[in-house]
């Protein structure tokens, strides 16, 4: 192990989630660079979302696919119906719920047991599918996303509805962003990557900025990822220096202590 304190840590989460983690990294004495790879935007027309959120009491379960889905929904909610269970996939979503006043002390929150495996498949493993059969379940998500959870629930006889709460977009690679990205490519950094989509955007940005040689440079840097699926996609994109942490900021912070 070698001390890695001289290497900047690049936090690539959407801005709302990047800033709190960056502050904690800086408190540990590391240089934290906020470089969001996904821009989270409100929907131009929120009328359908508002209508669905106004009828939450009719659902047996509401599943949020991400902290962004939670923040978007709760920006339009006054209170949560007490008898409606909530399903989330990771520690970040639990923290987002807590920021809106909901914890296991005052709400029925269901999530995967293993923090190293937090996705639709592991969420399905802890849901009471027999109890949900024939009932309504709402999935709150972005405009696009994986269909695994919805399809699996429908296969079990659950009445699934999905509602978009926000949209994701690649950030604009303007001149300040180009200069910052070039600086990061020219040094040895630790990149916190929390989605496969974000990693693909990063590779595309680097290719636009510095061509294939820039991508090779990027592939030599260290990625810190919370999930095996992201690690698998990173390997397919040519990255070899990978640290898989599991879900939650605490595990990310622990992974930053030393470089293998």
Protein backbone atom coordinates (compact mmCIF):
# COMPACT_ATOMS: atom_id res chain seq x y z
CA UNK A 1 0.00 0.00 0.00
CA UNK A 2 1.14 3.53 -0.74
CA UNK A 3 -0.10 6.80 0.62
CA UNK A 4 -2.41 8.41 -1.90
CA UNK A 5 -3.04 11.70 -0.10
CA UNK A 6 -1.42 13.74 -2.88
CA UNK A 7 -3.91 12.50 -5.50
CA UNK A 8 -7.10 14.52 -6.11
CA UNK A 9 -10.42 12.76 -5.68
CA UNK A 10 -12.90 13.49 -8.46
CA UNK A 11 -16.54 13.33 -7.36
CA UNK A 12 -18.65 12.79 -10.46
CA UNK A 13 -22.10 12.47 -8.90
CA UNK A 14 -24.82 14.95 -9.90
CA UNK A 15 -24.15 18.25 -8.19
CA UNK A 16 -26.67 17.89 -5.34
CA UNK A 17 -25.06 14.64 -4.18
CA UNK A 18 -21.48 15.59 -5.10
CA UNK A 19 -21.05 18.57 -2.79
CA UNK A 20 -21.73 16.82 0.56
CA UNK A 21 -19.34 13.96 -0.30
CA UNK A 22 -16.70 16.42 -1.50
CA UNK A 23 -16.88 18.23 1.85
CA UNK A 24 -16.32 14.99 3.74
CA UNK A 25 -13.36 14.07 1.51
CA UNK A 26 -11.82 17.48 2.13
CA UNK A 27 -12.30 17.00 5.88
CA UNK A 28 -10.10 13.90 5.57
CA UNK A 29 -7.32 16.03 4.12
CA UNK A 30 -7.78 15.02 0.49
CA UNK A 31 -8.24 17.40 -2.41
CA UNK A 32 -11.81 16.96 -3.67
CA UNK A 33 -12.75 18.04 -7.20
CA UNK A 34 -16.44 18.22 -8.10
CA UNK A 35 -16.88 17.25 -11.75
CA UNK A 36 -20.49 16.09 -12.31
CA UNK A 37 -20.99 13.70 -15.19
CA UNK A 38 -24.79 13.83 -15.13
CA UNK A 39 -26.92 16.94 -15.14
CA UNK A 40 -30.23 16.36 -13.33
CA UNK A 41 -33.01 18.53 -14.71
CA UNK A 42 -36.66 18.98 -13.71
CA UNK A 43 -39.30 17.90 -16.20
CA UNK A 44 -40.64 20.75 -18.35
CA UNK A 45 -44.18 19.59 -17.58
CA UNK A 46 -44.69 18.24 -14.06
CA UNK A 47 -48.48 17.93 -14.21
CA UNK A 48 -48.51 14.13 -14.60
CA UNK A 49 -45.97 13.69 -11.81
CA UNK A 50 -47.99 15.94 -9.49
CA UNK A 51 -51.18 14.00 -10.24
CA UNK A 52 -49.56 10.66 -9.45
CA UNK A 53 -47.93 11.95 -6.27
CA UNK A 54 -51.31 13.24 -5.16
CA UNK A 55 -52.64 9.67 -5.24
CA UNK A 56 -49.81 7.86 -3.38
CA UNK A 57 -52.16 6.38 -0.79
CA UNK A 58 -53.60 4.08 -3.47
CA UNK A 59 -50.28 2.22 -3.87
CA UNK A 60 -49.04 -0.66 -1.73
CA UNK A 61 -45.42 0.26 -2.43
CA UNK A 62 -43.48 3.12 -4.01
CA UNK A 63 -39.98 2.31 -5.31
CA UNK A 64 -37.47 5.10 -5.90
CA UNK A 65 -34.64 4.23 -8.28
CA UNK A 66 -32.20 6.88 -7.02
CA UNK A 67 -31.66 9.81 -4.65
CA UNK A 68 -32.52 12.10 -7.56
CA UNK A 69 -35.94 10.45 -7.86
CA UNK A 70 -36.51 11.00 -4.15
CA UNK A 71 -35.46 14.65 -4.23
CA UNK A 72 -37.60 15.37 -7.29
CA UNK A 73 -40.69 13.73 -5.79
CA UNK A 74 -40.34 15.24 -2.34
CA UNK A 75 -39.94 18.72 -3.79
CA UNK A 76 -43.64 18.36 -4.69
CA UNK A 77 -44.82 16.48 -1.58
CA UNK A 78 -46.00 17.91 1.73
CA UNK A 79 -46.04 14.60 3.60
CA UNK A 80 -45.70 10.87 3.04
CA UNK A 81 -48.79 8.64 3.47
CA UNK A 82 -47.96 6.59 6.57
CA UNK A 83 -49.28 3.24 5.31
CA UNK A 84 -47.36 3.23 2.01
CA UNK A 85 -44.09 1.27 2.03
CA UNK A 86 -40.99 2.65 0.33
CA UNK A 87 -38.40 0.63 -1.59
CA UNK A 88 -34.90 1.94 -2.35
CA UNK A 89 -31.70 0.32 -3.56
CA UNK A 90 -28.76 1.96 -1.77
CA UNK A 91 -27.49 3.93 1.18
CA UNK A 92 -27.57 7.16 -0.83
CA UNK A 93 -31.31 6.81 -1.26
CA UNK A 94 -31.77 6.09 2.45
CA UNK A 95 -29.85 9.27 3.20
CA UNK A 96 -32.02 11.21 0.76
CA UNK A 97 -35.14 9.92 2.51
CA UNK A 98 -33.67 10.90 5.88
CA UNK A 99 -33.03 14.40 4.54
CA UNK A 100 -36.77 14.59 3.89
CA UNK A 101 -37.65 13.30 7.35
CA UNK A 102 -38.21 9.61 6.65
CA UNK A 103 -36.24 6.85 8.39
CA UNK A 104 -36.90 3.30 9.56
CA UNK A 105 -38.25 4.85 12.76
CA UNK A 106 -41.25 6.46 11.09
CA UNK A 107 -41.62 4.68 7.73
CA UNK A 108 -41.54 1.18 6.24
CA UNK A 109 -38.36 1.36 4.14
CA UNK A 110 -37.25 -1.75 2.24
CA UNK A 111 -33.77 -2.10 0.73
CA UNK A 112 -31.24 -4.82 -0.20
CA UNK A 113 -29.47 -6.45 2.74
CA UNK A 114 -25.96 -6.60 1.28
CA UNK A 115 -24.48 -3.08 0.74
CA UNK A 116 -22.11 -4.54 -1.87
CA UNK A 117 -25.06 -5.66 -4.01
CA UNK A 118 -27.62 -2.89 -4.40
CA UNK A 119 -29.68 -3.03 -7.56
CA UNK A 120 -33.07 -4.06 -8.90
CA UNK A 121 -32.27 -7.77 -8.60
CA UNK A 122 -31.26 -7.64 -4.95
CA UNK A 123 -34.21 -5.39 -4.13
CA UNK A 124 -36.52 -8.01 -5.62
CA UNK A 125 -35.01 -10.59 -3.29
CA UNK A 126 -36.24 -8.73 -0.19
CA UNK A 127 -39.70 -7.71 -1.45
CA UNK A 128 -42.72 -9.73 -0.31
CA UNK A 129 -43.92 -10.54 -3.81
CA UNK A 130 -46.82 -12.68 -2.58
CA UNK A 131 -48.18 -9.74 -0.60
CA UNK A 132 -47.78 -7.40 -3.57
CA UNK A 133 -49.49 -9.68 -6.10
CA UNK A 134 -52.59 -7.97 -7.50
CA UNK A 135 -51.73 -4.65 -5.86
CA UNK A 136 -50.48 -1.37 -7.30
CA UNK A 137 -46.79 -0.48 -7.16
CA UNK A 138 -45.34 2.81 -8.34
CA UNK A 139 -41.75 3.18 -9.60
CA UNK A 140 -40.40 6.75 -9.52
CA UNK A 141 -37.49 7.15 -11.91
CA UNK A 142 -35.84 9.31 -14.54
CA UNK A 143 -37.18 9.59 -18.08
CA UNK A 144 -35.08 6.58 -19.06
CA UNK A 145 -33.75 3.61 -17.14
CA UNK A 146 -33.60 -0.14 -16.78
CA UNK A 147 -36.86 -2.11 -16.95
CA UNK A 148 -35.74 -5.07 -14.85
CA UNK A 149 -37.66 -4.14 -11.69
CA UNK A 150 -40.90 -3.28 -13.48
CA UNK A 151 -40.80 -6.39 -15.68
CA UNK A 152 -40.01 -8.72 -12.77
CA UNK A 153 -42.85 -7.31 -10.67
CA UNK A 154 -45.31 -7.62 -13.56
CA UNK A 155 -44.23 -11.23 -14.03
CA UNK A 156 -45.34 -11.81 -10.42
CA UNK A 157 -48.79 -10.36 -11.04
CA UNK A 158 -48.09 -6.93 -9.59
CA UNK A 159 -49.80 -3.89 -11.15
CA UNK A 160 -46.82 -1.69 -11.95
CA UNK A 161 -46.91 1.96 -12.93
CA UNK A 162 -43.85 4.07 -13.67
CA UNK A 163 -43.57 7.84 -13.47
CA UNK A 164 -40.70 10.06 -14.61
CA UNK A 165 -39.64 12.61 -12.00
CA UNK A 166 -36.58 14.13 -13.69
CA UNK A 167 -34.39 13.88 -16.74
CA UNK A 168 -30.68 13.15 -17.04
CA UNK A 169 -28.38 14.83 -19.52
CA UNK A 170 -24.67 14.93 -20.21
CA UNK A 171 -23.15 18.19 -18.97
CA UNK A 172 -21.97 20.72 -21.52
CA UNK A 173 -18.21 20.46 -22.07
CA UNK A 174 -17.61 24.20 -22.14
CA UNK A 175 -14.18 25.83 -21.96
CA UNK A 176 -13.86 25.83 -18.13
CA UNK A 177 -14.91 22.17 -18.06
CA UNK A 178 -12.43 21.31 -20.83
CA UNK A 179 -9.60 22.96 -18.91
CA UNK A 180 -10.55 21.22 -15.67
CA UNK A 181 -10.81 17.84 -17.40
CA UNK A 182 -7.42 18.31 -19.04
CA UNK A 183 -5.84 19.09 -15.66
CA UNK A 184 -7.36 15.92 -14.22
CA UNK A 185 -6.05 13.85 -17.12
CA UNK A 186 -2.57 15.24 -16.60
CA UNK A 187 -2.38 14.10 -12.97
CA UNK A 188 -3.04 10.84 -11.14
CA UNK A 189 -6.54 10.98 -9.69
CA UNK A 190 -9.12 8.79 -8.01
CA UNK A 191 -12.47 8.98 -9.82
CA UNK A 192 -15.66 8.17 -7.91
CA UNK A 193 -18.02 6.77 -10.56
CA UNK A 194 -21.56 5.95 -9.43
CA UNK A 195 -23.22 4.90 -12.68
CA UNK A 196 -22.29 3.19 -15.92
CA UNK A 197 -23.98 6.00 -17.84
CA UNK A 198 -21.73 8.55 -16.15
CA UNK A 199 -18.63 6.54 -17.05
CA UNK A 200 -19.64 6.37 -20.70
CA UNK A 201 -20.17 10.13 -20.70
CA UNK A 202 -16.71 10.61 -19.18
CA UNK A 203 -15.06 8.47 -21.86
CA UNK A 204 -16.92 10.39 -24.59
CA UNK A 205 -15.84 13.72 -23.07
CA UNK A 206 -12.20 12.66 -22.91
CA UNK A 207 -12.30 11.36 -26.47
CA UNK A 208 -13.73 14.71 -27.64
CA UNK A 209 -11.09 16.60 -25.67
CA UNK A 210 -7.95 14.54 -26.26
CA UNK A 211 -8.75 11.74 -28.69
CA UNK A 212 -7.88 8.09 -28.19
CA UNK A 213 -4.61 8.97 -26.45
CA UNK A 214 -6.62 10.84 -23.83
CA UNK A 215 -8.82 7.79 -23.30
CA UNK A 216 -5.71 5.65 -22.76
CA UNK A 217 -4.56 8.17 -20.15
CA UNK A 218 -7.93 8.00 -18.45
CA UNK A 219 -7.88 4.21 -18.43
CA UNK A 220 -4.70 4.33 -16.34
CA UNK A 221 -6.41 6.22 -13.54
CA UNK A 222 -8.16 4.63 -10.58
CA UNK A 223 -11.94 4.23 -10.48
CA UNK A 224 -13.90 3.81 -7.26
CA UNK A 225 -17.30 2.25 -7.95
CA UNK A 226 -20.12 1.14 -5.63
CA UNK A 227 -21.45 -1.79 -7.61
CA UNK A 228 -20.27 -4.88 -9.46
CA UNK A 229 -22.25 -3.96 -12.58
CA UNK A 230 -20.40 -0.65 -12.89
CA UNK A 231 -17.08 -2.43 -12.34
CA UNK A 232 -17.96 -4.91 -15.08
CA UNK A 233 -18.82 -2.12 -17.51
CA UNK A 234 -15.61 -0.29 -16.58
CA UNK A 235 -13.54 -3.37 -17.43
CA UNK A 236 -15.32 -3.62 -20.78
CA UNK A 237 -14.29 0.00 -21.42
CA UNK A 238 -10.64 -0.82 -20.72
CA UNK A 239 -10.23 0.21 -17.08
CA UNK A 240 -8.15 -2.05 -14.86
CA UNK A 241 -7.54 -0.06 -11.66
CA UNK A 242 -10.88 -0.59 -9.96
CA UNK A 243 -11.98 -0.51 -6.34
CA UNK A 244 -15.49 -1.71 -5.60
CA UNK A 245 -16.76 -0.25 -2.34
CA UNK A 246 -20.40 -1.14 -1.85
CA UNK A 247 -23.18 1.38 -1.32
CA UNK A 248 -22.87 4.47 0.86
CA UNK A 249 -20.46 7.31 1.55
CA UNK A 250 -18.78 5.56 4.48
CA UNK A 251 -17.49 2.78 2.26
CA UNK A 252 -16.33 5.25 -0.38
CA UNK A 253 -14.44 7.24 2.24
CA UNK A 254 -12.82 4.09 3.59
CA UNK A 255 -11.66 3.12 0.10
CA UNK A 256 -9.90 6.46 -0.29
CA UNK A 257 -7.52 5.84 2.59
CA UNK A 258 -4.98 3.82 0.65
CA UNK A 259 -4.12 3.00 -2.92
CA UNK A 260 -3.27 -0.61 -3.67
